[in-house]
């Protein structure tokens, strides 16, 4: 499989990842167009690609990674 195909997401996957990112940024009062927002996007995409297939699962993992209790 090529590098680009590993990065490709379908519409549903994009909605899951973007939804998680938007909610994370709102929870942490982070703007997406900031260093922290871009870092969060990278981590969220990595979490998705490693098996966290729902917005809830991604956010739960982000909270564990960040040490935030929800």
Protein backbone atom coordinates (compact mmCIF):
# COMPACT_ATOMS: atom_id res chain seq x y z
CA UNK A 1 0.00 0.00 0.00
CA UNK A 2 1.31 3.44 -0.79
CA UNK A 3 1.92 6.22 1.68
CA UNK A 4 -0.87 8.36 0.20
CA UNK A 5 -3.43 5.58 0.36
CA UNK A 6 -2.55 5.11 4.04
CA UNK A 7 -3.50 8.76 4.61
CA UNK A 8 -6.69 8.75 2.53
CA UNK A 9 -9.97 8.97 4.43
CA UNK A 10 -13.50 8.52 3.14
CA UNK A 11 -16.25 11.02 3.96
CA UNK A 12 -17.46 9.17 7.07
CA UNK A 13 -13.92 8.90 8.41
CA UNK A 14 -13.34 12.61 7.82
CA UNK A 15 -16.53 13.41 9.74
CA UNK A 16 -15.43 11.27 12.69
CA UNK A 17 -11.94 12.78 12.84
CA UNK A 18 -13.11 16.37 12.30
CA UNK A 19 -15.93 15.97 14.81
CA UNK A 20 -13.51 14.71 17.44
CA UNK A 21 -11.07 17.52 16.67
CA UNK A 22 -13.76 20.20 16.87
CA UNK A 23 -15.04 18.84 20.18
CA UNK A 24 -11.51 18.53 21.59
CA UNK A 25 -10.68 22.10 20.61
CA UNK A 26 -13.92 23.34 22.19
CA UNK A 27 -13.26 21.38 25.42
CA UNK A 28 -9.71 22.64 25.72
CA UNK A 29 -10.42 26.14 24.40
CA UNK A 30 -7.84 25.58 21.68
CA UNK A 31 -8.05 27.17 18.25
CA UNK A 32 -7.50 24.77 15.39
CA UNK A 33 -5.13 27.19 13.68
CA UNK A 34 -2.60 27.17 16.51
CA UNK A 35 0.35 24.98 17.38
CA UNK A 36 -1.75 23.15 19.99
CA UNK A 37 -4.63 22.72 17.54
CA UNK A 38 -2.37 21.28 14.87
CA UNK A 39 -0.75 18.99 17.44
CA UNK A 40 -4.21 17.80 18.51
CA UNK A 41 -5.14 17.13 14.87
CA UNK A 42 -2.03 15.01 14.43
CA UNK A 43 -2.70 12.99 17.58
CA UNK A 44 -6.40 12.54 16.74
CA UNK A 45 -5.60 11.30 13.25
CA UNK A 46 -3.04 8.91 14.71
CA UNK A 47 -5.57 7.61 17.22
CA UNK A 48 -8.09 7.08 14.45
CA UNK A 49 -5.57 5.24 12.29
CA UNK A 50 -4.64 2.97 15.22
CA UNK A 51 -8.16 1.74 15.89
CA UNK A 52 -10.17 4.43 17.65
CA UNK A 53 -13.00 4.43 15.11
CA UNK A 54 -15.58 6.64 16.83
CA UNK A 55 -15.56 10.22 18.02
CA UNK A 56 -16.20 9.04 21.58
CA UNK A 57 -13.34 6.57 21.49
CA UNK A 58 -10.96 9.20 20.11
CA UNK A 59 -11.97 11.76 22.73
CA UNK A 60 -11.62 9.22 25.54
CA UNK A 61 -8.11 8.37 24.37
CA UNK A 62 -7.23 12.08 24.02
CA UNK A 63 -8.33 12.68 27.59
CA UNK A 64 -6.13 9.82 28.79
CA UNK A 65 -3.16 11.08 26.75
CA UNK A 66 -3.63 14.62 28.04
CA UNK A 67 -4.36 13.53 31.61
CA UNK A 68 -7.79 15.17 31.54
CA UNK A 69 -10.63 13.58 33.48
CA UNK A 70 -14.01 13.94 31.84
